[in-house]
Amino acid sequence: MKNNMSLSKPVDLQKLNDMFGINYGIFSKEEQERITRASLLIVGVGAVGGVMAEILARSGVANFTLIDPDVYDLNNSNRHIGWFVDTIGKHKSEVIKEEYKE
């Protein structure tokens, strides 16, 4: 079974400027807007994919499709960013989606 979650947000350019204006030393305003409007697919949101989703969301990417059929269990505790006691048994893609949907 494949668990596929989409996370897509409308772009508020003022909020974008407030949140990611510090990036303008690295990216131009136009490049930051392009990053925010980009659509990305992340297959596997465990150890590496979960961290990448966080880094990309914190960089301004607002549109993701997350695919991961797995759920969190006890052996994920030391390496998965979305693992918490209350996420055991939940689909990894759903947990990551909820974390970054706003």
N, C-alpha and C. Protein backbone atom coordinates (compact mmCIF):
# COMPACT_ATOMS: atom_id res chain seq x y z
N MET A 1 0.83 -1.18 0.00
CA MET A 1 0.00 0.00 0.00
C MET A 1 0.88 1.24 0.00
N LYS A 2 0.57 2.17 -0.87
CA LYS A 2 1.33 3.42 -0.97
C LYS A 2 0.58 4.51 -0.22
N ASN A 3 1.28 5.24 0.61
CA ASN A 3 0.67 6.37 1.29
C ASN A 3 1.21 7.63 0.64
N ASN A 4 0.32 8.39 0.02
CA ASN A 4 0.70 9.56 -0.77
C ASN A 4 -0.03 10.77 -0.19
N MET A 5 0.71 11.75 0.28
CA MET A 5 0.11 12.95 0.87
C MET A 5 0.60 14.16 0.09
N SER A 6 -0.32 15.04 -0.27
CA SER A 6 0.06 16.28 -0.93
C SER A 6 -0.06 17.42 0.05
N LEU A 7 0.90 18.29 -0.01
CA LEU A 7 0.92 19.49 0.82
C LEU A 7 1.10 20.65 -0.14
N SER A 8 0.07 21.43 -0.30
CA SER A 8 0.11 22.53 -1.25
C SER A 8 -0.52 23.75 -0.61
N LYS A 9 0.21 24.86 -0.61
CA LYS A 9 -0.28 26.07 0.03
C LYS A 9 -0.32 27.20 -0.98
N PRO A 10 -1.32 28.08 -0.89
CA PRO A 10 -1.29 29.27 -1.72
C PRO A 10 -0.15 30.17 -1.25
N VAL A 11 0.42 30.91 -2.17
CA VAL A 11 1.57 31.75 -1.85
C VAL A 11 1.10 33.15 -1.45
N ASP A 12 1.41 33.54 -0.22
CA ASP A 12 1.18 34.90 0.28
C ASP A 12 2.53 35.61 0.21
N LEU A 13 2.70 36.49 -0.78
CA LEU A 13 4.01 37.10 -1.01
C LEU A 13 4.48 37.96 0.15
N GLN A 14 3.58 38.61 0.88
CA GLN A 14 4.00 39.39 2.04
C GLN A 14 4.52 38.48 3.14
N LYS A 15 3.80 37.40 3.39
CA LYS A 15 4.26 36.43 4.39
C LYS A 15 5.59 35.83 3.96
N LEU A 16 5.71 35.55 2.67
CA LEU A 16 6.96 35.03 2.12
C LEU A 16 8.11 35.99 2.43
N ASN A 17 7.90 37.26 2.19
CA ASN A 17 8.93 38.26 2.44
C ASN A 17 9.27 38.31 3.93
N ASP A 18 8.26 38.27 4.79
CA ASP A 18 8.49 38.32 6.23
C ASP A 18 9.27 37.10 6.72
N MET A 19 8.91 35.93 6.20
CA MET A 19 9.52 34.69 6.68
C MET A 19 10.90 34.41 6.07
N PHE A 20 11.06 34.73 4.80
CA PHE A 20 12.26 34.30 4.10
C PHE A 20 13.09 35.45 3.54
N GLY A 21 12.79 36.67 3.95
CA GLY A 21 13.55 37.83 3.49
C GLY A 21 15.03 37.72 3.81
N ILE A 22 15.35 37.01 4.89
CA ILE A 22 16.76 36.82 5.24
C ILE A 22 17.51 36.05 4.16
N ASN A 23 16.79 35.27 3.36
CA ASN A 23 17.42 34.51 2.28
C ASN A 23 17.85 35.38 1.10
N TYR A 24 17.39 36.63 1.08
CA TYR A 24 17.67 37.48 -0.07
C TYR A 24 19.16 37.77 -0.24
N GLY A 25 19.97 37.50 0.74
CA GLY A 25 21.42 37.60 0.55
C GLY A 25 21.97 36.44 -0.26
N ILE A 26 21.22 35.35 -0.28
CA ILE A 26 21.62 34.16 -1.03
C ILE A 26 20.84 34.07 -2.33
N PHE A 27 19.51 34.29 -2.23
CA PHE A 27 18.61 34.25 -3.38
C PHE A 27 18.05 35.64 -3.62
N SER A 28 17.75 35.94 -4.87
CA SER A 28 17.03 37.18 -5.16
C SER A 28 15.58 36.98 -4.75
N LYS A 29 14.83 38.07 -4.68
CA LYS A 29 13.41 37.98 -4.34
C LYS A 29 12.68 37.09 -5.35
N GLU A 30 13.01 37.21 -6.62
CA GLU A 30 12.39 36.41 -7.66
C GLU A 30 12.73 34.93 -7.51
N GLU A 31 13.99 34.64 -7.16
CA GLU A 31 14.39 33.25 -6.95
C GLU A 31 13.67 32.65 -5.74
N GLN A 32 13.51 33.45 -4.67
CA GLN A 32 12.79 32.95 -3.49
C GLN A 32 11.33 32.68 -3.83
N GLU A 33 10.71 33.53 -4.63
CA GLU A 33 9.33 33.29 -5.06
C GLU A 33 9.25 32.01 -5.89
N ARG A 34 10.24 31.78 -6.73
CA ARG A 34 10.27 30.56 -7.54
C ARG A 34 10.41 29.32 -6.65
N ILE A 35 11.26 29.41 -5.64
CA ILE A 35 11.43 28.31 -4.69
C ILE A 35 10.10 28.02 -4.00
N THR A 36 9.42 29.07 -3.57
CA THR A 36 8.15 28.90 -2.87
C THR A 36 7.09 28.28 -3.76
N ARG A 37 7.08 28.62 -5.01
CA ARG A 37 6.06 28.09 -5.93
C ARG A 37 6.41 26.73 -6.51
N ALA A 38 7.62 26.26 -6.28
CA ALA A 38 8.05 24.96 -6.81
C ALA A 38 7.19 23.83 -6.24
N SER A 39 7.02 22.79 -7.01
CA SER A 39 6.34 21.58 -6.54
C SER A 39 7.37 20.46 -6.49
N LEU A 40 7.47 19.81 -5.35
CA LEU A 40 8.47 18.77 -5.17
C LEU A 40 7.83 17.45 -4.77
N LEU A 41 8.46 16.38 -5.18
CA LEU A 41 8.07 15.03 -4.81
C LEU A 41 9.18 14.47 -3.92
N ILE A 42 8.80 13.99 -2.75
CA ILE A 42 9.76 13.32 -1.87
C ILE A 42 9.25 11.90 -1.66
N VAL A 43 10.05 10.94 -2.11
CA VAL A 43 9.69 9.53 -1.97
C VAL A 43 10.49 8.98 -0.79
N GLY A 44 9.78 8.66 0.26
CA GLY A 44 10.40 8.18 1.49
C GLY A 44 10.68 9.34 2.41
N VAL A 45 9.93 9.44 3.50
CA VAL A 45 10.11 10.55 4.43
C VAL A 45 10.57 10.04 5.79
N GLY A 46 11.43 9.03 5.74
CA GLY A 46 12.03 8.51 6.97
C GLY A 46 13.20 9.38 7.38
N ALA A 47 14.34 8.75 7.61
CA ALA A 47 15.50 9.45 8.15
C ALA A 47 15.98 10.59 7.24
N VAL A 48 16.27 10.32 6.00
CA VAL A 48 16.79 11.36 5.09
C VAL A 48 15.65 12.21 4.52
N GLY A 49 14.60 11.57 4.02
CA GLY A 49 13.50 12.31 3.40
C GLY A 49 12.79 13.24 4.36
N GLY A 50 12.63 12.82 5.61
CA GLY A 50 11.98 13.67 6.61
C GLY A 50 12.80 14.92 6.89
N VAL A 51 14.11 14.75 6.99
CA VAL A 51 15.00 15.90 7.21
C VAL A 51 14.98 16.82 6.00
N MET A 52 15.00 16.25 4.80
CA MET A 52 14.96 17.07 3.59
C MET A 52 13.65 17.86 3.51
N ALA A 53 12.53 17.23 3.86
CA ALA A 53 11.25 17.94 3.86
C ALA A 53 11.31 19.13 4.81
N GLU A 54 11.91 18.95 5.98
CA GLU A 54 12.02 20.06 6.93
C GLU A 54 12.91 21.18 6.38
N ILE A 55 14.06 20.82 5.86
CA ILE A 55 14.98 21.83 5.32
C ILE A 55 14.32 22.60 4.18
N LEU A 56 13.66 21.90 3.29
CA LEU A 56 13.00 22.56 2.15
C LEU A 56 11.85 23.45 2.61
N ALA A 57 11.06 22.97 3.57
CA ALA A 57 9.96 23.79 4.10
C ALA A 57 10.50 25.05 4.77
N ARG A 58 11.58 24.92 5.52
CA ARG A 58 12.18 26.07 6.19
C ARG A 58 12.88 27.01 5.20
N SER A 59 13.15 26.51 4.00
CA SER A 59 13.73 27.35 2.95
C SER A 59 12.66 28.06 2.13
N GLY A 60 11.40 27.68 2.34
CA GLY A 60 10.31 28.36 1.66
C GLY A 60 9.51 27.53 0.69
N VAL A 61 9.90 26.29 0.43
CA VAL A 61 9.13 25.44 -0.47
C VAL A 61 7.77 25.17 0.19
N ALA A 62 6.69 25.37 -0.56
CA ALA A 62 5.36 25.25 0.01
C ALA A 62 4.53 24.11 -0.59
N ASN A 63 5.02 23.47 -1.64
CA ASN A 63 4.21 22.46 -2.34
C ASN A 63 4.99 21.15 -2.44
N PHE A 64 4.51 20.15 -1.69
CA PHE A 64 5.15 18.85 -1.65
C PHE A 64 4.14 17.76 -1.98
N THR A 65 4.64 16.69 -2.57
CA THR A 65 3.94 15.41 -2.56
C THR A 65 4.87 14.46 -1.83
N LEU A 66 4.36 13.87 -0.75
CA LEU A 66 5.15 12.98 0.09
C LEU A 66 4.63 11.56 -0.10
N ILE A 67 5.53 10.64 -0.41
CA ILE A 67 5.14 9.24 -0.60
C ILE A 67 5.98 8.37 0.32
N ASP A 68 5.29 7.63 1.17
CA ASP A 68 5.96 6.67 2.04
C ASP A 68 4.91 5.71 2.57
N PRO A 69 5.05 4.41 2.31
CA PRO A 69 4.05 3.45 2.77
C PRO A 69 4.24 3.03 4.23
N ASP A 70 5.30 3.48 4.84
CA ASP A 70 5.69 2.99 6.16
C ASP A 70 5.05 3.81 7.28
N VAL A 71 4.97 3.20 8.45
CA VAL A 71 4.52 3.88 9.67
C VAL A 71 5.70 3.91 10.65
N TYR A 72 5.63 4.85 11.59
CA TYR A 72 6.67 4.92 12.62
C TYR A 72 6.51 3.77 13.60
N ASP A 73 7.65 3.20 14.00
CA ASP A 73 7.65 2.19 15.05
C ASP A 73 8.84 2.43 15.97
N LEU A 74 9.01 1.59 16.95
CA LEU A 74 10.03 1.84 17.97
C LEU A 74 11.44 1.94 17.40
N ASN A 75 11.76 1.19 16.37
CA ASN A 75 13.13 1.22 15.87
C ASN A 75 13.46 2.47 15.06
N ASN A 76 12.51 3.39 14.90
CA ASN A 76 12.78 4.65 14.20
C ASN A 76 13.23 5.77 15.15
N SER A 77 13.21 5.53 16.44
CA SER A 77 13.37 6.60 17.43
C SER A 77 14.67 7.36 17.34
N ASN A 78 15.75 6.74 16.90
CA ASN A 78 17.05 7.40 16.93
C ASN A 78 17.41 8.13 15.65
N ARG A 79 16.55 8.07 14.61
CA ARG A 79 16.99 8.67 13.35
C ARG A 79 15.90 9.35 12.54
N HIS A 80 14.65 9.30 12.94
CA HIS A 80 13.57 9.89 12.15
C HIS A 80 13.06 11.16 12.82
N ILE A 81 13.06 12.24 12.06
CA ILE A 81 12.70 13.54 12.61
C ILE A 81 11.24 13.62 13.06
N GLY A 82 10.37 12.82 12.47
CA GLY A 82 8.96 12.85 12.83
C GLY A 82 8.57 11.84 13.89
N TRP A 83 9.55 11.11 14.44
CA TRP A 83 9.24 10.09 15.42
C TRP A 83 9.09 10.70 16.81
N PHE A 84 7.95 10.45 17.41
CA PHE A 84 7.68 10.79 18.81
C PHE A 84 6.82 9.66 19.35
N VAL A 85 6.71 9.55 20.64
CA VAL A 85 5.89 8.49 21.22
C VAL A 85 4.47 8.52 20.64
N ASP A 86 3.93 9.74 20.45
CA ASP A 86 2.56 9.83 19.94
C ASP A 86 2.44 9.63 18.44
N THR A 87 3.57 9.46 17.72
CA THR A 87 3.48 9.18 16.28
C THR A 87 3.69 7.70 15.95
N ILE A 88 3.98 6.88 16.95
CA ILE A 88 4.14 5.45 16.72
C ILE A 88 2.85 4.91 16.11
N GLY A 89 2.99 4.19 15.00
CA GLY A 89 1.85 3.61 14.30
C GLY A 89 1.22 4.52 13.26
N LYS A 90 1.65 5.77 13.20
CA LYS A 90 1.10 6.70 12.21
C LYS A 90 1.96 6.68 10.95
N HIS A 91 1.32 6.92 9.80
CA HIS A 91 2.06 6.98 8.54
C HIS A 91 3.04 8.16 8.56
N LYS A 92 4.26 7.88 8.13
CA LYS A 92 5.31 8.89 8.13
C LYS A 92 4.91 10.10 7.30
N SER A 93 4.33 9.86 6.12
CA SER A 93 3.97 10.98 5.24
C SER A 93 2.90 11.86 5.88
N GLU A 94 1.96 11.27 6.61
CA GLU A 94 0.91 12.06 7.26
C GLU A 94 1.49 12.91 8.39
N VAL A 95 2.42 12.35 9.16
CA VAL A 95 3.04 13.09 10.26
C VAL A 95 3.82 14.28 9.71
N ILE A 96 4.63 14.06 8.69
CA ILE A 96 5.42 15.15 8.11
C ILE A 96 4.51 16.18 7.49
N LYS A 97 3.46 15.77 6.81
CA LYS A 97 2.50 16.72 6.23
C LYS A 97 1.91 17.62 7.31
N GLU A 98 1.46 17.03 8.40
CA GLU A 98 0.86 17.82 9.48
C GLU A 98 1.85 18.80 10.08
N GLU A 99 3.10 18.40 10.16
CA GLU A 99 4.14 19.26 10.76
C GLU A 99 4.36 20.54 9.95
N TYR A 100 4.25 20.44 8.62
CA TYR A 100 4.62 21.57 7.77
C TYR A 100 3.48 22.16 6.97
N LYS A 101 2.26 21.79 7.29
CA LYS A 101 1.15 22.28 6.48
C LYS A 101 0.85 23.76 6.72
N GLU A 102 1.30 24.33 7.78
CA GLU A 102 1.04 25.75 8.04
C GLU A 102 2.31 26.53 8.15
